[in-house]
Protein backbone atom coordinates (compact mmCIF):
# COMPACT_ATOMS: atom_id res chain seq x y z
CA MET A 1 -31.27 28.23 12.55
CA ILE A 2 -28.03 29.02 10.36
CA LYS A 3 -25.75 28.63 13.27
CA ILE A 4 -27.61 25.38 14.06
CA MET A 5 -26.98 24.19 10.36
CA GLY A 6 -23.29 25.44 10.23
CA ALA A 7 -22.47 23.54 13.25
CA ILE A 8 -23.88 20.42 11.97
CA LEU A 9 -21.78 21.03 8.97
CA ILE A 10 -18.69 21.63 10.99
CA ILE A 11 -19.21 18.32 13.09
CA LEU A 12 -19.92 16.37 9.97
CA SER A 13 -16.78 17.50 8.16
CA THR A 14 -14.52 17.11 10.91
CA THR A 15 -15.73 13.70 12.03
CA TRP A 16 -15.76 12.51 8.24
CA THR A 17 -11.93 13.93 8.44
CA GLY A 18 -11.28 11.98 11.60
CA PHE A 19 -12.90 8.53 10.08
CA GLU A 20 -11.09 9.02 6.88
CA ALA A 21 -7.61 9.12 8.76
CA SER A 22 -8.62 6.30 10.68
CA ARG A 23 -9.41 4.58 7.47
CA HIS A 24 -5.92 5.15 6.31
CA LEU A 25 -4.67 3.67 9.42
CA SER A 26 -6.63 0.25 8.84
CA GLU A 27 -5.80 0.23 5.29
CA ARG A 28 -2.24 -0.03 5.67
CA PRO A 29 -1.91 -3.21 7.49
CA ARG A 30 -4.66 -4.66 4.86
CA GLN A 31 -2.51 -3.61 1.74
CA LEU A 32 0.68 -4.87 3.21
CA ARG A 33 -1.00 -8.35 3.77
CA LEU A 34 -1.92 -8.25 0.17
CA LEU A 35 1.56 -7.31 -0.85
CA LYS A 36 3.14 -10.15 0.99
CA SER A 37 0.41 -12.49 -0.49
CA ALA A 38 1.41 -11.10 -4.01
CA LEU A 39 4.98 -11.79 -3.55
CA GLN A 40 4.24 -15.12 -2.15
CA SER A 41 2.47 -15.70 -5.48
CA LEU A 42 5.32 -14.19 -7.76
CA GLU A 43 7.77 -16.72 -5.75
CA ALA A 44 5.38 -19.74 -6.68
CA GLU A 45 4.93 -18.31 -10.50
CA ILE A 46 9.18 -18.06 -10.32
CA MET A 47 9.74 -21.11 -8.70
CA TYR A 48 7.38 -23.69 -9.73
CA GLY A 49 5.60 -22.19 -12.87
CA HIS A 50 8.69 -20.81 -14.44
CA THR A 51 6.78 -17.90 -15.65
CA PRO A 52 8.26 -15.17 -17.34
CA LEU A 53 8.43 -11.82 -14.86
CA HIS A 54 5.91 -10.01 -17.27
CA GLU A 55 3.36 -12.70 -17.23
CA ALA A 56 3.51 -13.25 -13.52
CA SER A 57 2.71 -9.66 -13.08
CA ARG A 58 0.02 -9.83 -15.29
CA LYS A 59 -1.52 -12.72 -13.61
CA LEU A 60 -1.03 -10.84 -10.32
CA SER A 61 -2.64 -7.68 -11.55
CA GLU A 62 -5.66 -9.94 -12.31
CA GLN A 63 -5.83 -11.39 -8.77
CA MET A 64 -5.08 -8.40 -6.61
CA THR A 65 -7.33 -5.65 -5.57
CA LYS A 66 -6.62 -1.96 -6.50
CA PRO A 67 -4.17 -0.43 -6.17
CA LEU A 68 -1.98 -3.44 -5.91
CA SER A 69 -3.60 -4.27 -9.30
CA TRP A 70 -2.56 -1.25 -10.93
CA PHE A 71 1.11 -1.49 -9.87
CA PHE A 72 1.61 -5.01 -11.27
CA LYS A 73 -0.21 -4.27 -14.41
CA THR A 74 2.10 -1.23 -14.92
CA PHE A 75 4.91 -3.41 -14.35
CA SER A 76 3.93 -5.84 -16.66
CA LYS A 77 3.01 -3.18 -19.37
CA LYS A 78 6.50 -1.41 -18.84
CA LEU A 79 8.10 -4.70 -19.32
CA THR A 80 6.45 -5.77 -22.48
CA GLU A 81 5.81 -2.59 -24.17
CA THR A 82 8.90 -0.61 -23.47
CA GLU A 83 12.86 -1.41 -23.82
CA THR A 84 13.94 -0.95 -20.11
CA THR A 85 15.50 -2.97 -17.42
CA VAL A 86 13.63 -4.83 -14.73
CA HIS A 87 14.69 -2.66 -12.09
CA ILE A 88 13.94 0.67 -13.76
CA ALA A 89 10.15 -0.68 -14.75
CA TRP A 90 9.82 -1.62 -10.88
CA GLU A 91 10.85 1.61 -9.71
CA GLU A 92 8.89 3.61 -12.23
CA SER A 93 5.79 1.38 -11.51
CA LEU A 94 6.38 1.88 -7.72
CA ARG A 95 6.63 5.70 -8.23
CA GLU A 96 3.46 5.84 -10.42
CA VAL A 97 1.09 3.96 -7.93
CA TRP A 98 2.67 4.96 -4.85
CA ASN A 99 0.36 7.65 -4.10
CA LEU A 100 -2.60 5.61 -4.58
CA THR A 101 -1.44 3.22 -1.48
CA ALA A 102 -1.56 3.68 2.10
CA PHE A 103 2.13 2.57 2.38
CA LYS A 104 4.86 4.63 3.99
CA GLN A 105 8.46 5.54 3.03
CA GLY A 106 9.79 2.28 4.64
CA GLU A 107 7.74 0.01 2.48
CA PHE A 108 8.88 2.25 -0.62
CA GLU A 109 12.34 1.39 0.67
CA ILE A 110 11.90 -2.34 1.06
CA MET A 111 10.19 -2.48 -2.46
CA LYS A 112 12.73 -0.45 -4.30
CA GLN A 113 15.53 -2.46 -2.97
CA PHE A 114 13.79 -5.78 -3.88
CA GLY A 115 13.07 -4.38 -7.33
CA GLU A 116 17.00 -3.96 -7.83
CA THR A 117 17.24 -7.72 -7.20
CA LEU A 118 14.59 -8.58 -9.42
CA GLY A 119 15.34 -10.76 -12.38
CA ARG A 120 19.25 -10.39 -11.54
CA HIS A 121 19.51 -13.67 -9.78
CA ASP A 122 18.75 -17.47 -10.55
CA ARG A 123 15.59 -18.84 -9.36
CA HIS A 124 16.93 -19.97 -5.88
CA SER A 125 18.44 -16.68 -5.34
CA GLN A 126 15.66 -14.89 -6.43
CA GLN A 127 13.54 -17.13 -3.81
CA LYS A 128 15.89 -16.06 -1.01
CA GLN A 129 15.22 -12.16 -1.94
CA ILE A 130 11.54 -12.65 -2.25
CA LEU A 131 11.61 -14.40 1.30
CA LEU A 132 13.61 -11.67 2.74
CA THR A 133 11.41 -9.02 1.16
CA ILE A 134 8.32 -10.55 2.77
CA SER A 135 10.07 -10.99 6.39
CA HIS A 136 10.73 -6.96 5.93
CA LEU A 137 7.27 -6.26 5.07
CA GLU A 138 5.94 -8.44 8.00
CA ARG A 139 7.78 -6.35 10.44
CA GLU A 140 6.27 -3.35 8.73
CA GLU A 141 2.82 -4.83 9.11
CA ALA A 142 3.28 -5.56 12.69
CA ASP A 143 4.25 -2.18 13.15
CA ALA A 144 1.02 -0.81 10.78
CA SER A 145 -1.30 -3.01 13.19
CA GLU A 146 0.24 -1.67 16.31
CA LYS A 147 -0.36 1.77 15.04
CA GLN A 148 -3.70 0.97 14.03
CA MET A 149 -4.82 -0.29 17.41
CA LYS A 150 -3.10 2.34 19.21
CA TYR A 151 -4.46 5.42 16.91
CA GLU A 152 -7.59 4.23 15.29
CA LYS A 153 -10.00 5.15 17.95
CA MET A 154 -8.04 8.39 18.90
CA VAL A 155 -8.13 9.73 15.67
CA LYS A 156 -11.90 9.14 14.97
CA SER A 157 -12.54 10.94 18.38
CA ILE A 158 -10.14 13.75 17.60
CA GLY A 159 -12.23 14.37 14.33
CA PHE A 160 -15.44 14.84 16.23
CA LEU A 161 -14.11 16.54 19.23
CA SER A 162 -12.19 19.19 17.17
CA GLY A 163 -15.39 19.82 15.25
CA LEU A 164 -17.17 20.67 18.79
CA LEU A 165 -14.21 22.71 19.90
CA LEU A 166 -14.42 24.59 16.61
CA ILE A 167 -18.36 24.96 17.13
CA ILE A 168 -17.72 26.33 20.84
CA LEU A 169 -14.86 28.73 19.73
CA LEU A 170 -17.35 30.13 16.99
CA MET A 171 -20.32 30.59 19.04
């Protein structure tokens, strides 16, 4: 009886691990789409609303879901509550929230480079930077979607099958 209970626990835990890894694969493209949408909203606020950056970020934090909302909220707070440059506030906000996202190092570099240009140019140059960043993120999203299609089922299956293998080895 104890062996059966142990076997069930092993199967459940390895299957759960496989599904968690699979969720991470599907979360990345979704978060990339949200990030692109956020940058498009930021572009609209800058170009057409003439909204200050801290106010635009605060508005974005209210529109986005977590963890992106946390990023824009943190960025807005750093701009209003501390004496820092836009670039430093952006990068610090990225680092604080990064581990809560499903993003990879490539996205971090894209967003870090975007932060270096943020607030340094006139509105039209800033718009070009936003569009460039969005195009880079689209490339990353295509890569993430491809990996999701390729590996999502496999990761779920590996979780279950590794549990079966472990049970066989232990019996």
